[in-house]
């Protein structure tokens, strides 16, 4: 859960930085890569929480 929270906060920070700097191209790419990491972290946390309840 800590990884998911950290990734979510990083995505928020990148989003705010994008808003105030006018969307530089490299930052858009970083934000999209972060979305992939967020999706993976969310899926992993969901899987781990679901399997820990069944054990």
PDB file of N, CA and C in Angstrom:
ATOM      1  N   UNK A   1       0.811  -1.199   0.000  1.00  0.00           N
ATOM      2  CA  UNK A   1       0.000   0.000   0.000  1.00  0.00           C
ATOM      3  C   UNK A   1       0.854   1.264   0.000  1.00  0.00           C
ATOM      4  N   UNK A   2       2.017   1.181   0.589  1.00  0.00           N
ATOM      5  CA  UNK A   2       2.899   2.342   0.620  1.00  0.00           C
ATOM      6  C   UNK A   2       3.387   2.735  -0.763  1.00  0.00           C
ATOM      7  N   UNK A   3       3.646   1.723  -1.594  1.00  0.00           N
ATOM      8  CA  UNK A   3       4.105   2.001  -2.959  1.00  0.00           C
ATOM      9  C   UNK A   3       3.001   2.685  -3.744  1.00  0.00           C
ATOM     10  N   UNK A   4       1.786   2.211  -3.586  1.00  0.00           N
ATOM     11  CA  UNK A   4       0.654   2.822  -4.299  1.00  0.00           C
ATOM     12  C   UNK A   4       0.471   4.275  -3.863  1.00  0.00           C
ATOM     13  N   UNK A   5       0.595   4.540  -2.583  1.00  0.00           N
ATOM     14  CA  UNK A   5       0.466   5.922  -2.097  1.00  0.00           C
ATOM     15  C   UNK A   5       1.587   6.805  -2.653  1.00  0.00           C
ATOM     16  N   UNK A   6       2.805   6.283  -2.681  1.00  0.00           N
ATOM     17  CA  UNK A   6       3.932   7.062  -3.197  1.00  0.00           C
ATOM     18  C   UNK A   6       3.769   7.363  -4.686  1.00  0.00           C
ATOM     19  N   UNK A   7       3.327   6.365  -5.447  1.00  0.00           N
ATOM     20  CA  UNK A   7       3.127   6.566  -6.882  1.00  0.00           C
ATOM     21  C   UNK A   7       2.006   7.571  -7.124  1.00  0.00           C
ATOM     22  N   UNK A   8       0.943   7.491  -6.338  1.00  0.00           N
ATOM     23  CA  UNK A   8      -0.174   8.432  -6.479  1.00  0.00           C
ATOM     24  C   UNK A   8       0.277   9.860  -6.169  1.00  0.00           C
ATOM     25  N   UNK A   9       1.052  10.033  -5.109  1.00  0.00           N
ATOM     26  CA  UNK A   9       1.557  11.366  -4.776  1.00  0.00           C
ATOM     27  C   UNK A   9       2.510  11.888  -5.851  1.00  0.00           C
ATOM     28  N   UNK A  10       3.339  11.009  -6.398  1.00  0.00           N
ATOM     29  CA  UNK A  10       4.253  11.433  -7.468  1.00  0.00           C
ATOM     30  C   UNK A  10       3.472  11.864  -8.706  1.00  0.00           C
ATOM     31  N   UNK A  11       2.423  11.129  -9.050  1.00  0.00           N
ATOM     32  CA  UNK A  11       1.592  11.497 -10.201  1.00  0.00           C
ATOM     33  C   UNK A  11       0.933  12.858  -9.960  1.00  0.00           C
ATOM     34  N   UNK A  12       0.481  13.090  -8.751  1.00  0.00           N
ATOM     35  CA  UNK A  12      -0.114  14.388  -8.424  1.00  0.00           C
ATOM     36  C   UNK A  12       0.896  15.519  -8.535  1.00  0.00           C
ATOM     37  N   UNK A  13       2.111  15.272  -8.058  1.00  0.00           N
ATOM     38  CA  UNK A  13       3.157  16.295  -8.135  1.00  0.00           C
ATOM     39  C   UNK A  13       3.511  16.601  -9.588  1.00  0.00           C
ATOM     40  N   UNK A  14       3.612  15.569 -10.402  1.00  0.00           N
ATOM     41  CA  UNK A  14       3.911  15.779 -11.825  1.00  0.00           C
ATOM     42  C   UNK A  14       2.774  16.563 -12.481  1.00  0.00           C
ATOM     43  N   UNK A  15       1.547  16.226 -12.145  1.00  0.00           N
ATOM     44  CA  UNK A  15       0.392  16.936 -12.706  1.00  0.00           C
ATOM     45  C   UNK A  15       0.388  18.414 -12.349  1.00  0.00           C
ATOM     46  N   UNK A  16       0.665  18.723 -11.078  1.00  0.00           N
ATOM     47  CA  UNK A  16       0.728  20.129 -10.683  1.00  0.00           C
ATOM     48  C   UNK A  16       1.868  20.854 -11.391  1.00  0.00           C
ATOM     49  N   UNK A  17       3.007  20.195 -11.509  1.00  0.00           N
ATOM     50  CA  UNK A  17       4.143  20.807 -12.192  1.00  0.00           C
ATOM     51  C   UNK A  17       3.808  21.076 -13.655  1.00  0.00           C
ATOM     52  N   UNK A  18       3.102  20.133 -14.276  1.00  0.00           N
ATOM     53  CA  UNK A  18       2.674  20.328 -15.662  1.00  0.00           C
ATOM     54  C   UNK A  18       1.757  21.543 -15.772  1.00  0.00           C
ATOM     55  N   UNK A  19       0.846  21.666 -14.841  1.00  0.00           N
ATOM     56  CA  UNK A  19      -0.117  22.766 -14.881  1.00  0.00           C
ATOM     57  C   UNK A  19       0.582  24.124 -14.831  1.00  0.00           C
ATOM     58  N   UNK A  20       1.599  24.232 -13.975  1.00  0.00           N
ATOM     59  CA  UNK A  20       2.254  25.518 -13.786  1.00  0.00           C
ATOM     60  C   UNK A  20       3.361  25.804 -14.797  1.00  0.00           C
ATOM     61  N   UNK A  21       3.807  24.793 -15.551  1.00  0.00           N
ATOM     62  CA  UNK A  21       4.887  25.023 -16.511  1.00  0.00           C
ATOM     63  C   UNK A  21       4.414  24.981 -17.957  1.00  0.00           C
ATOM     64  N   UNK A  22       3.152  24.751 -18.194  1.00  0.00           N
ATOM     65  CA  UNK A  22       2.633  24.790 -19.558  1.00  0.00           C
ATOM     66  C   UNK A  22       2.849  23.531 -20.362  1.00  0.00           C
ATOM     67  N   UNK A  23       2.871  22.387 -19.722  1.00  0.00           N
ATOM     68  CA  UNK A  23       2.937  21.078 -20.379  1.00  0.00           C
ATOM     69  C   UNK A  23       4.141  20.874 -21.289  1.00  0.00           C
ATOM     70  N   UNK A  24       5.359  20.856 -20.744  1.00  0.00           N
ATOM     71  CA  UNK A  24       6.501  20.492 -21.583  1.00  0.00           C
ATOM     72  C   UNK A  24       6.372  19.037 -22.042  1.00  0.00           C
ATOM     73  N   UNK A  25       6.855  18.747 -23.251  1.00  0.00           N
ATOM     74  CA  UNK A  25       6.669  17.407 -23.837  1.00  0.00           C
ATOM     75  C   UNK A  25       7.281  16.298 -22.987  1.00  0.00           C
ATOM     76  N   UNK A  26       8.470  16.527 -22.454  1.00  0.00           N
ATOM     77  CA  UNK A  26       9.137  15.487 -21.674  1.00  0.00           C
ATOM     78  C   UNK A  26       8.352  15.180 -20.404  1.00  0.00           C
ATOM     79  N   UNK A  27       7.661  16.168 -19.863  1.00  0.00           N
ATOM     80  CA  UNK A  27       6.892  15.950 -18.643  1.00  0.00           C
ATOM     81  C   UNK A  27       5.614  15.174 -18.929  1.00  0.00           C
ATOM     82  N   UNK A  28       5.047  15.372 -20.104  1.00  0.00           N
ATOM     83  CA  UNK A  28       3.878  14.592 -20.512  1.00  0.00           C
ATOM     84  C   UNK A  28       4.262  13.119 -20.624  1.00  0.00           C
ATOM     85  N   UNK A  29       5.423  12.854 -21.217  1.00  0.00           N
ATOM     86  CA  UNK A  29       5.900  11.475 -21.335  1.00  0.00           C
ATOM     87  C   UNK A  29       6.144  10.857 -19.960  1.00  0.00           C
ATOM     88  N   UNK A  30       6.704  11.634 -19.052  1.00  0.00           N
ATOM     89  CA  UNK A  30       6.931  11.145 -17.690  1.00  0.00           C
ATOM     90  C   UNK A  30       5.610  10.855 -16.988  1.00  0.00           C
ATOM     91  N   UNK A  31       4.631  11.700 -17.204  1.00  0.00           N
ATOM     92  CA  UNK A  31       3.313  11.515 -16.592  1.00  0.00           C
ATOM     93  C   UNK A  31       2.647  10.245 -17.132  1.00  0.00           C
ATOM     94  N   UNK A  32       2.772   9.985 -18.426  1.00  0.00           N
ATOM     95  CA  UNK A  32       2.202   8.768 -19.007  1.00  0.00           C
ATOM     96  C   UNK A  32       2.931   7.525 -18.517  1.00  0.00           C
ATOM     97  N   UNK A  33       4.235   7.602 -18.373  1.00  0.00           N
ATOM     98  CA  UNK A  33       4.982   6.471 -17.811  1.00  0.00           C
ATOM     99  C   UNK A  33       4.559   6.233 -16.365  1.00  0.00           C
ATOM    100  N   UNK A  34       4.332   7.316 -15.639  1.00  0.00           N
ATOM    101  CA  UNK A  34       3.849   7.197 -14.260  1.00  0.00           C
ATOM    102  C   UNK A  34       2.476   6.561 -14.194  1.00  0.00           C
ATOM    103  N   UNK A  35       1.664   6.804 -15.196  1.00  0.00           N
ATOM    104  CA  UNK A  35       0.347   6.169 -15.247  1.00  0.00           C
ATOM    105  C   UNK A  35       0.481   4.656 -15.361  1.00  0.00           C
ATOM    106  N   UNK A  36       1.434   4.210 -16.155  1.00  0.00           N
ATOM    107  CA  UNK A  36       1.684   2.774 -16.262  1.00  0.00           C
ATOM    108  C   UNK A  36       2.143   2.186 -14.939  1.00  0.00           C
ATOM    109  N   UNK A  37       3.023   2.900 -14.243  1.00  0.00           N
ATOM    110  CA  UNK A  37       3.496   2.446 -12.935  1.00  0.00           C
ATOM    111  C   UNK A  37       2.345   2.447 -11.930  1.00  0.00           C
ATOM    112  N   UNK A  38       1.495   3.465 -11.993  1.00  0.00           N
ATOM    113  CA  UNK A  38       0.334   3.530 -11.111  1.00  0.00           C
ATOM    114  C   UNK A  38      -0.604   2.345 -11.346  1.00  0.00           C
ATOM    115  N   UNK A  39      -0.875   2.031 -12.611  1.00  0.00           N
ATOM    116  CA  UNK A  39      -1.753   0.909 -12.927  1.00  0.00           C
ATOM    117  C   UNK A  39      -1.173  -0.402 -12.406  1.00  0.00           C
ATOM    118  N   UNK A  40       0.129  -0.581 -12.566  1.00  0.00           N
ATOM    119  CA  UNK A  40       0.778  -1.799 -12.068  1.00  0.00           C
ATOM    120  C   UNK A  40       0.729  -1.865 -10.546  1.00  0.00           C
ATOM    121  N   UNK A  41       0.988  -0.749  -9.875  1.00  0.00           N
ATOM    122  CA  UNK A  41       0.954  -0.731  -8.409  1.00  0.00           C
ATOM    123  C   UNK A  41      -0.456  -0.966  -7.884  1.00  0.00           C
ATOM    124  N   UNK A  42      -1.435  -0.392  -8.557  1.00  0.00           N
ATOM    125  CA  UNK A  42      -2.824  -0.592  -8.144  1.00  0.00           C
ATOM    126  C   UNK A  42      -3.236  -2.046  -8.326  1.00  0.00           C
ATOM    127  N   UNK A  43      -2.878  -2.628  -9.452  1.00  0.00           N
ATOM    128  CA  UNK A  43      -3.207  -4.030  -9.706  1.00  0.00           C
ATOM    129  C   UNK A  43      -2.524  -4.947  -8.697  1.00  0.00           C
ATOM    130  N   UNK A  44      -1.254  -4.674  -8.418  1.00  0.00           N
ATOM    131  CA  UNK A  44      -0.521  -5.499  -7.465  1.00  0.00           C
ATOM    132  C   UNK A  44      -1.110  -5.394  -6.070  1.00  0.00           C
ATOM    133  N   UNK A  45      -1.447  -4.185  -5.636  1.00  0.00           N
ATOM    134  CA  UNK A  45      -2.017  -4.037  -4.298  1.00  0.00           C
ATOM    135  C   UNK A  45      -3.388  -4.699  -4.215  1.00  0.00           C
ATOM    136  N   UNK A  46      -4.179  -4.596  -5.257  1.00  0.00           N
ATOM    137  CA  UNK A  46      -5.485  -5.255  -5.271  1.00  0.00           C
ATOM    138  C   UNK A  46      -5.316  -6.770  -5.193  1.00  0.00           C
ATOM    139  N   UNK A  47      -4.402  -7.311  -5.981  1.00  0.00           N
ATOM    140  CA  UNK A  47      -4.153  -8.750  -5.972  1.00  0.00           C
ATOM    141  C   UNK A  47      -3.659  -9.213  -4.605  1.00  0.00           C
ATOM    142  N   UNK A  48      -2.698  -8.482  -4.026  1.00  0.00           N
ATOM    143  CA  UNK A  48      -2.134  -8.884  -2.745  1.00  0.00           C
ATOM    144  C   UNK A  48      -3.158  -8.793  -1.622  1.00  0.00           C
ATOM    145  N   UNK A  49      -3.994  -7.767  -1.635  1.00  0.00           N
ATOM    146  CA  UNK A  49      -5.027  -7.652  -0.596  1.00  0.00           C
ATOM    147  C   UNK A  49      -6.088  -8.726  -0.754  1.00  0.00           C
ATOM    148  N   UNK A  50      -6.439  -9.035  -1.988  1.00  0.00           N
ATOM    149  CA  UNK A  50      -7.460 -10.045  -2.228  1.00  0.00           C
ATOM    150  C   UNK A  50      -6.956 -11.430  -1.833  1.00  0.00           C
ATOM    151  N   UNK A  51      -5.714 -11.747  -2.177  1.00  0.00           N
ATOM    152  CA  UNK A  51      -5.191 -13.079  -1.854  1.00  0.00           C
ATOM    153  C   UNK A  51      -4.878 -13.217  -0.367  1.00  0.00           C
ATOM    154  N   UNK A  52      -4.549 -12.121   0.325  1.00  0.00           N
ATOM    155  CA  UNK A  52      -4.259 -12.232   1.746  1.00  0.00           C
ATOM    156  C   UNK A  52      -5.535 -12.483   2.552  1.00  0.00           C
ATOM    157  N   UNK A  53      -6.675 -12.061   2.065  1.00  0.00           N
ATOM    158  CA  UNK A  53      -7.940 -12.335   2.750  1.00  0.00           C
ATOM    159  C   UNK A  53      -8.368 -13.787   2.595  1.00  0.00           C
ATOM    160  N   UNK A  54      -7.994 -14.404   1.476  1.00  0.00           N
ATOM    161  CA  UNK A  54      -8.397 -15.788   1.222  1.00  0.00           C
ATOM    162  C   UNK A  54      -7.495 -16.795   1.913  1.00  0.00           C
ATOM    163  N   UNK A  55      -6.345 -16.378   2.386  1.00  0.00           N
ATOM    164  CA  UNK A  55      -5.391 -17.321   2.974  1.00  0.00           C
ATOM    165  C   UNK A  55      -5.765 -17.714   4.382  1.00  0.00           C
TER     166      UNK A  55
END
